[in-house]
Amino acid sequence: MGNAMKMDLGFDEFLAVPEYTILVVTYPDIFQTEAKLLHGKFSEEYRDLSAVIVLDSEDLAKIGVKEGDTVKISTEHGSVVATVKESEKEHPGIGYMPEGAWSNVLGLGPVSAKVSKSGQSVPAIDELIPAR
């Protein structure tokens, strides 16, 4: 079976995880600030309130995720994994993230980003900071 030839049937595009473009807007969150003060910025409580993106139901369906799933969010500045929360209000094409280390990876907002289903776990804050 030495020199087997790979045949490209054009299916790769169908096997790839679909991406959806949204506008990511950041906002200050009082509960996140409280968690940082009470538990510290390296705590799970702080991460759980910071590494989230709020999407409306239409966007959840397009991306193929539900509340509690993780998504990869990518911009020209970087990529990060965050947990999905479903919005109570409709705002198709717009995702909301609390200000903090996870949203900072994406660049100054509002910023256009590609979002896709991830399955990876949300990184701890010290994983976001490059080693020196």
N, C-alpha and C. Protein backbone atom coordinates (compact mmCIF):
# COMPACT_ATOMS: atom_id res chain seq x y z
N MET A 1 0.83 -1.19 0.00
CA MET A 1 0.00 0.00 0.00
C MET A 1 0.86 1.24 0.00
N GLY A 2 2.07 1.19 -0.40
CA GLY A 2 3.06 2.25 -0.34
C GLY A 2 2.57 3.65 -0.64
N ASN A 3 2.33 3.99 -1.87
CA ASN A 3 2.03 5.36 -2.26
C ASN A 3 0.55 5.56 -2.52
N ALA A 4 -0.24 5.49 -1.48
CA ALA A 4 -1.68 5.70 -1.63
C ALA A 4 -1.94 7.17 -1.94
N MET A 5 -2.81 7.41 -2.87
CA MET A 5 -3.12 8.77 -3.28
C MET A 5 -4.35 9.25 -2.54
N LYS A 6 -4.27 10.46 -2.00
CA LYS A 6 -5.42 11.03 -1.30
C LYS A 6 -6.33 11.66 -2.33
N MET A 7 -7.58 11.32 -2.26
CA MET A 7 -8.54 11.84 -3.22
C MET A 7 -9.39 12.91 -2.54
N ASP A 8 -9.42 14.10 -3.11
CA ASP A 8 -10.21 15.20 -2.54
C ASP A 8 -11.57 15.24 -3.22
N LEU A 9 -12.58 14.88 -2.47
CA LEU A 9 -13.93 14.86 -3.03
C LEU A 9 -14.72 16.12 -2.70
N GLY A 10 -14.06 17.08 -2.04
CA GLY A 10 -14.72 18.34 -1.73
C GLY A 10 -15.62 18.29 -0.52
N PHE A 11 -15.48 17.26 0.34
CA PHE A 11 -16.33 17.13 1.50
C PHE A 11 -15.80 17.86 2.72
N ASP A 12 -14.52 18.28 2.68
CA ASP A 12 -13.91 18.92 3.85
C ASP A 12 -14.70 20.12 4.35
N GLU A 13 -15.26 20.90 3.42
CA GLU A 13 -16.01 22.07 3.84
C GLU A 13 -17.28 21.69 4.62
N PHE A 14 -17.82 20.51 4.36
CA PHE A 14 -19.01 20.07 5.08
C PHE A 14 -18.66 19.48 6.44
N LEU A 15 -17.44 18.99 6.60
CA LEU A 15 -17.02 18.39 7.84
C LEU A 15 -16.51 19.41 8.84
N ALA A 16 -16.14 20.58 8.36
CA ALA A 16 -15.63 21.63 9.24
C ALA A 16 -16.75 22.14 10.14
N VAL A 17 -16.37 22.62 11.33
CA VAL A 17 -17.34 23.20 12.25
C VAL A 17 -17.81 24.52 11.66
N PRO A 18 -19.12 24.72 11.51
CA PRO A 18 -19.60 25.98 10.93
C PRO A 18 -19.30 27.17 11.84
N GLU A 19 -18.91 28.27 11.21
CA GLU A 19 -18.65 29.52 11.94
C GLU A 19 -19.74 30.52 11.58
N TYR A 20 -20.03 31.38 12.52
CA TYR A 20 -21.04 32.41 12.33
C TYR A 20 -20.42 33.72 12.79
N THR A 21 -20.57 34.78 12.00
CA THR A 21 -19.98 36.07 12.35
C THR A 21 -20.97 36.89 13.17
N ILE A 22 -20.48 37.41 14.30
CA ILE A 22 -21.29 38.28 15.16
C ILE A 22 -20.46 39.49 15.56
N LEU A 23 -21.12 40.48 16.09
CA LEU A 23 -20.47 41.64 16.68
C LEU A 23 -20.43 41.41 18.19
N VAL A 24 -19.22 41.42 18.78
CA VAL A 24 -19.08 41.22 20.22
C VAL A 24 -18.99 42.58 20.89
N VAL A 25 -19.89 42.81 21.83
CA VAL A 25 -19.94 44.05 22.60
C VAL A 25 -19.64 43.70 24.05
N THR A 26 -18.76 44.48 24.69
CA THR A 26 -18.43 44.22 26.09
C THR A 26 -19.19 45.17 27.01
N TYR A 27 -19.34 44.75 28.26
CA TYR A 27 -20.07 45.54 29.23
C TYR A 27 -19.52 45.28 30.63
N PRO A 28 -19.60 46.26 31.54
CA PRO A 28 -19.20 46.02 32.92
C PRO A 28 -20.29 45.21 33.64
N ASP A 29 -19.88 44.29 34.52
CA ASP A 29 -20.83 43.44 35.21
C ASP A 29 -20.58 43.52 36.71
N ILE A 30 -21.55 43.96 37.48
CA ILE A 30 -21.40 44.14 38.92
C ILE A 30 -21.19 42.81 39.66
N PHE A 31 -21.81 41.74 39.18
CA PHE A 31 -21.67 40.44 39.83
C PHE A 31 -20.26 39.88 39.61
N GLN A 32 -19.72 40.11 38.43
CA GLN A 32 -18.35 39.72 38.13
C GLN A 32 -17.39 40.48 39.04
N THR A 33 -17.61 41.78 39.19
CA THR A 33 -16.77 42.61 40.07
C THR A 33 -16.84 42.11 41.51
N GLU A 34 -18.03 41.77 41.97
CA GLU A 34 -18.20 41.25 43.33
C GLU A 34 -17.44 39.93 43.51
N ALA A 35 -17.53 39.04 42.51
CA ALA A 35 -16.81 37.76 42.58
C ALA A 35 -15.31 37.98 42.63
N LYS A 36 -14.84 38.97 41.89
CA LYS A 36 -13.40 39.28 41.90
C LYS A 36 -12.97 39.77 43.28
N LEU A 37 -13.77 40.62 43.88
CA LEU A 37 -13.44 41.15 45.21
C LEU A 37 -13.53 40.08 46.30
N LEU A 38 -14.54 39.23 46.23
CA LEU A 38 -14.74 38.20 47.27
C LEU A 38 -13.82 36.98 47.11
N HIS A 39 -13.59 36.57 45.86
CA HIS A 39 -12.89 35.31 45.62
C HIS A 39 -11.55 35.46 44.89
N GLY A 40 -11.32 36.62 44.28
CA GLY A 40 -10.08 36.84 43.53
C GLY A 40 -10.25 36.56 42.04
N LYS A 41 -9.39 37.18 41.25
CA LYS A 41 -9.52 37.05 39.80
C LYS A 41 -9.07 35.68 39.27
N PHE A 42 -8.43 34.86 40.11
CA PHE A 42 -8.03 33.53 39.69
C PHE A 42 -9.05 32.46 40.12
N SER A 43 -10.17 32.89 40.68
CA SER A 43 -11.18 31.95 41.19
C SER A 43 -12.10 31.44 40.08
N GLU A 44 -12.68 30.28 40.34
CA GLU A 44 -13.68 29.71 39.43
C GLU A 44 -14.91 30.61 39.36
N GLU A 45 -15.28 31.20 40.49
CA GLU A 45 -16.46 32.08 40.52
C GLU A 45 -16.28 33.25 39.56
N TYR A 46 -15.09 33.85 39.57
CA TYR A 46 -14.80 34.98 38.68
C TYR A 46 -14.80 34.51 37.22
N ARG A 47 -14.15 33.38 36.96
CA ARG A 47 -14.11 32.85 35.59
C ARG A 47 -15.52 32.56 35.08
N ASP A 48 -16.35 31.95 35.92
CA ASP A 48 -17.70 31.58 35.49
C ASP A 48 -18.56 32.80 35.13
N LEU A 49 -18.26 33.95 35.71
CA LEU A 49 -19.01 35.17 35.41
C LEU A 49 -18.34 36.02 34.34
N SER A 50 -17.09 35.70 33.99
CA SER A 50 -16.33 36.51 33.04
C SER A 50 -16.20 35.87 31.67
N ALA A 51 -16.01 34.57 31.63
CA ALA A 51 -15.77 33.85 30.38
C ALA A 51 -17.08 33.36 29.79
N VAL A 52 -17.99 34.29 29.55
CA VAL A 52 -19.30 33.97 29.00
C VAL A 52 -19.62 34.89 27.83
N ILE A 53 -20.46 34.40 26.96
CA ILE A 53 -21.00 35.23 25.89
C ILE A 53 -22.50 35.03 25.86
N VAL A 54 -23.23 36.12 25.83
CA VAL A 54 -24.69 36.09 25.82
C VAL A 54 -25.15 36.23 24.37
N LEU A 55 -25.87 35.22 23.89
CA LEU A 55 -26.36 35.19 22.51
C LEU A 55 -27.87 35.00 22.52
N ASP A 56 -28.53 35.49 21.48
CA ASP A 56 -29.98 35.27 21.43
C ASP A 56 -30.28 33.91 20.80
N SER A 57 -31.52 33.47 20.90
CA SER A 57 -31.90 32.11 20.49
C SER A 57 -31.66 31.86 19.01
N GLU A 58 -31.83 32.87 18.18
CA GLU A 58 -31.59 32.72 16.73
C GLU A 58 -30.12 32.39 16.46
N ASP A 59 -29.21 33.09 17.15
CA ASP A 59 -27.79 32.82 16.97
C ASP A 59 -27.40 31.46 17.54
N LEU A 60 -28.00 31.07 18.66
CA LEU A 60 -27.73 29.75 19.23
C LEU A 60 -28.06 28.66 18.21
N ALA A 61 -29.20 28.80 17.55
CA ALA A 61 -29.63 27.81 16.56
C ALA A 61 -28.68 27.78 15.36
N LYS A 62 -28.25 28.93 14.89
CA LYS A 62 -27.34 28.99 13.75
C LYS A 62 -26.00 28.35 14.06
N ILE A 63 -25.51 28.56 15.27
CA ILE A 63 -24.21 28.02 15.67
C ILE A 63 -24.34 26.54 16.06
N GLY A 64 -25.54 26.13 16.47
CA GLY A 64 -25.78 24.75 16.86
C GLY A 64 -25.40 24.47 18.30
N VAL A 65 -25.64 25.46 19.18
CA VAL A 65 -25.31 25.30 20.59
C VAL A 65 -26.53 25.64 21.45
N LYS A 66 -26.42 25.28 22.74
CA LYS A 66 -27.45 25.65 23.71
C LYS A 66 -26.76 26.25 24.92
N GLU A 67 -27.54 26.84 25.81
CA GLU A 67 -26.99 27.44 27.02
C GLU A 67 -26.15 26.41 27.78
N GLY A 68 -24.97 26.83 28.20
CA GLY A 68 -24.06 25.95 28.92
C GLY A 68 -22.98 25.33 28.05
N ASP A 69 -23.19 25.29 26.73
CA ASP A 69 -22.16 24.80 25.81
C ASP A 69 -21.02 25.81 25.74
N THR A 70 -19.91 25.39 25.18
CA THR A 70 -18.81 26.33 24.96
C THR A 70 -18.66 26.62 23.47
N VAL A 71 -18.20 27.83 23.19
CA VAL A 71 -17.93 28.26 21.82
C VAL A 71 -16.54 28.84 21.74
N LYS A 72 -15.96 28.75 20.56
CA LYS A 72 -14.69 29.41 20.28
C LYS A 72 -15.03 30.72 19.59
N ILE A 73 -14.47 31.80 20.10
CA ILE A 73 -14.70 33.13 19.56
C ILE A 73 -13.36 33.62 19.04
N SER A 74 -13.30 34.00 17.76
CA SER A 74 -12.04 34.37 17.13
C SER A 74 -12.13 35.71 16.41
N THR A 75 -11.10 36.51 16.61
CA THR A 75 -10.93 37.77 15.87
C THR A 75 -9.52 37.78 15.31
N GLU A 76 -9.17 38.84 14.62
CA GLU A 76 -7.81 38.96 14.10
C GLU A 76 -6.80 39.11 15.24
N HIS A 77 -7.25 39.44 16.44
CA HIS A 77 -6.37 39.64 17.59
C HIS A 77 -6.12 38.38 18.40
N GLY A 78 -7.06 37.43 18.35
CA GLY A 78 -6.90 36.21 19.13
C GLY A 78 -8.20 35.42 19.23
N SER A 79 -8.11 34.29 19.92
CA SER A 79 -9.26 33.40 20.10
C SER A 79 -9.39 33.02 21.56
N VAL A 80 -10.63 32.78 21.97
CA VAL A 80 -10.88 32.37 23.35
C VAL A 80 -12.11 31.47 23.36
N VAL A 81 -12.16 30.59 24.35
CA VAL A 81 -13.32 29.73 24.55
C VAL A 81 -14.14 30.32 25.69
N ALA A 82 -15.46 30.39 25.50
CA ALA A 82 -16.35 30.94 26.52
C ALA A 82 -17.61 30.08 26.59
N THR A 83 -18.31 30.19 27.71
CA THR A 83 -19.56 29.49 27.92
C THR A 83 -20.72 30.33 27.37
N VAL A 84 -21.69 29.66 26.77
CA VAL A 84 -22.84 30.33 26.17
C VAL A 84 -23.94 30.53 27.21
N LYS A 85 -24.50 31.73 27.21
CA LYS A 85 -25.73 32.01 27.97
C LYS A 85 -26.76 32.50 26.96
N GLU A 86 -28.00 32.05 27.13
CA GLU A 86 -29.06 32.49 26.23
C GLU A 86 -29.68 33.77 26.75
N SER A 87 -29.81 34.73 25.86
CA SER A 87 -30.37 36.03 26.21
C SER A 87 -31.89 35.94 26.35
N GLU A 88 -32.43 36.78 27.20
CA GLU A 88 -33.88 36.88 27.33
C GLU A 88 -34.45 37.80 26.26
N LYS A 89 -33.58 38.60 25.63
CA LYS A 89 -34.01 39.55 24.60
C LYS A 89 -33.44 39.14 23.25
N GLU A 90 -34.12 39.58 22.20
CA GLU A 90 -33.64 39.30 20.85
C GLU A 90 -32.60 40.35 20.45
N HIS A 91 -31.46 39.87 19.95
CA HIS A 91 -30.43 40.75 19.39
C HIS A 91 -29.58 39.94 18.43
N PRO A 92 -30.19 39.46 17.33
CA PRO A 92 -29.47 38.61 16.38
C PRO A 92 -28.21 39.30 15.86
N GLY A 93 -27.13 38.51 15.80
CA GLY A 93 -25.88 39.01 15.26
C GLY A 93 -25.02 39.77 16.25
N ILE A 94 -25.50 39.89 17.50
CA ILE A 94 -24.73 40.62 18.53
C ILE A 94 -24.57 39.72 19.75
N GLY A 95 -23.33 39.57 20.20
CA GLY A 95 -23.03 38.81 21.40
C GLY A 95 -22.48 39.75 22.46
N TYR A 96 -22.83 39.52 23.70
CA TYR A 96 -22.40 40.38 24.80
C TYR A 96 -21.48 39.60 25.73
N MET A 97 -20.32 40.20 26.04
CA MET A 97 -19.36 39.59 26.96
C MET A 97 -19.00 40.59 28.05
N PRO A 98 -18.86 40.14 29.29
CA PRO A 98 -18.39 41.03 30.35
C PRO A 98 -16.96 41.48 30.05
N GLU A 99 -16.65 42.71 30.45
CA GLU A 99 -15.28 43.21 30.31
C GLU A 99 -14.37 42.36 31.17
N GLY A 100 -13.21 42.02 30.68
CA GLY A 100 -12.26 41.23 31.46
C GLY A 100 -11.25 40.53 30.58
N ALA A 101 -10.48 39.66 31.20
CA ALA A 101 -9.37 38.98 30.50
C ALA A 101 -9.83 38.21 29.27
N TRP A 102 -10.98 37.53 29.34
CA TRP A 102 -11.42 36.71 28.21
C TRP A 102 -11.84 37.58 27.04
N SER A 103 -12.60 38.63 27.28
CA SER A 103 -13.00 39.50 26.17
C SER A 103 -11.81 40.32 25.66
N ASN A 104 -10.84 40.61 26.53
CA ASN A 104 -9.66 41.38 26.11
C ASN A 104 -8.83 40.64 25.06
N VAL A 105 -8.87 39.31 25.08
CA VAL A 105 -8.14 38.52 24.09
C VAL A 105 -8.62 38.86 22.68
N LEU A 106 -9.87 39.25 22.55
CA LEU A 106 -10.48 39.50 21.25
C LEU A 106 -10.16 40.88 20.70
N GLY A 107 -9.63 41.77 21.53
CA GLY A 107 -9.35 43.15 21.11
C GLY A 107 -10.41 44.08 21.65
N LEU A 108 -10.19 45.36 21.45
CA LEU A 108 -11.14 46.35 21.95
C LEU A 108 -12.46 46.24 21.22
N GLY A 109 -13.55 46.19 21.97
CA GLY A 109 -14.88 46.03 21.38
C GLY A 109 -15.54 47.36 21.12
N PRO A 110 -16.60 47.37 20.38
CA PRO A 110 -17.18 46.23 19.70
C PRO A 110 -16.25 45.72 18.59
N VAL A 111 -16.25 44.40 18.40
CA VAL A 111 -15.36 43.78 17.43
C VAL A 111 -16.10 42.65 16.72
N SER A 112 -15.85 42.54 15.42
CA SER A 112 -16.44 41.45 14.64
C SER A 112 -15.68 40.17 14.94
N ALA A 113 -16.43 39.07 15.18
CA ALA A 113 -15.80 37.81 15.56
C ALA A 113 -16.50 36.64 14.89
N LYS A 114 -15.74 35.58 14.67
CA LYS A 114 -16.28 34.31 14.20
C LYS A 114 -16.55 33.45 15.43
N VAL A 115 -17.72 32.86 15.48
CA VAL A 115 -18.09 32.02 16.62
C VAL A 115 -18.45 30.63 16.09
N SER A 116 -17.92 29.61 16.77
CA SER A 116 -18.23 28.24 16.39
C SER A 116 -18.33 27.37 17.64
N LYS A 117 -19.04 26.25 17.52
CA LYS A 117 -19.18 25.31 18.63
C LYS A 117 -17.79 24.79 18.97
N SER A 118 -17.51 24.65 20.26
CA SER A 118 -16.15 24.29 20.67
C SER A 118 -16.04 22.90 21.29
N GLY A 119 -16.67 22.67 22.42
CA GLY A 119 -16.48 21.42 23.14
C GLY A 119 -15.26 21.45 24.04
N GLN A 120 -14.42 22.49 23.92
CA GLN A 120 -13.26 22.64 24.80
C GLN A 120 -13.72 23.27 26.11
N SER A 121 -12.88 23.14 27.13
CA SER A 121 -13.21 23.78 28.39
C SER A 121 -12.72 25.23 28.38
N VAL A 122 -13.34 26.04 29.21
CA VAL A 122 -12.98 27.45 29.32
C VAL A 122 -11.62 27.53 30.01
N PRO A 123 -10.68 28.28 29.44
CA PRO A 123 -9.35 28.37 30.06
C PRO A 123 -9.38 29.20 31.34
N ALA A 124 -8.49 28.84 32.25
CA ALA A 124 -8.31 29.65 33.45
C ALA A 124 -7.62 30.96 33.05
N ILE A 125 -7.75 31.97 33.88
CA ILE A 125 -7.20 33.29 33.56
C ILE A 125 -5.68 33.23 33.33
N ASP A 126 -4.97 32.41 34.10
CA ASP A 126 -3.52 32.36 33.93
C ASP A 126 -3.11 31.68 32.62
N GLU A 127 -4.03 30.95 31.98
CA GLU A 127 -3.76 30.37 30.66
C GLU A 127 -3.87 31.42 29.56
N LEU A 128 -4.54 32.53 29.84
CA LEU A 128 -4.70 33.60 28.87
C LEU A 128 -3.49 34.53 28.82
N ILE A 129 -2.73 34.55 29.92
CA ILE A 129 -1.59 35.45 30.04
C ILE A 129 -0.37 34.76 29.47
N PRO A 130 0.27 35.35 28.45
CA PRO A 130 1.44 34.70 27.86
C PRO A 130 2.59 34.61 28.86
N ALA A 131 3.31 33.50 28.79
CA ALA A 131 4.49 33.31 29.67
C ALA A 131 5.59 34.27 29.25
N ARG A 132 6.33 34.74 30.23
CA ARG A 132 7.43 35.67 29.94
C ARG A 132 8.74 35.01 30.16
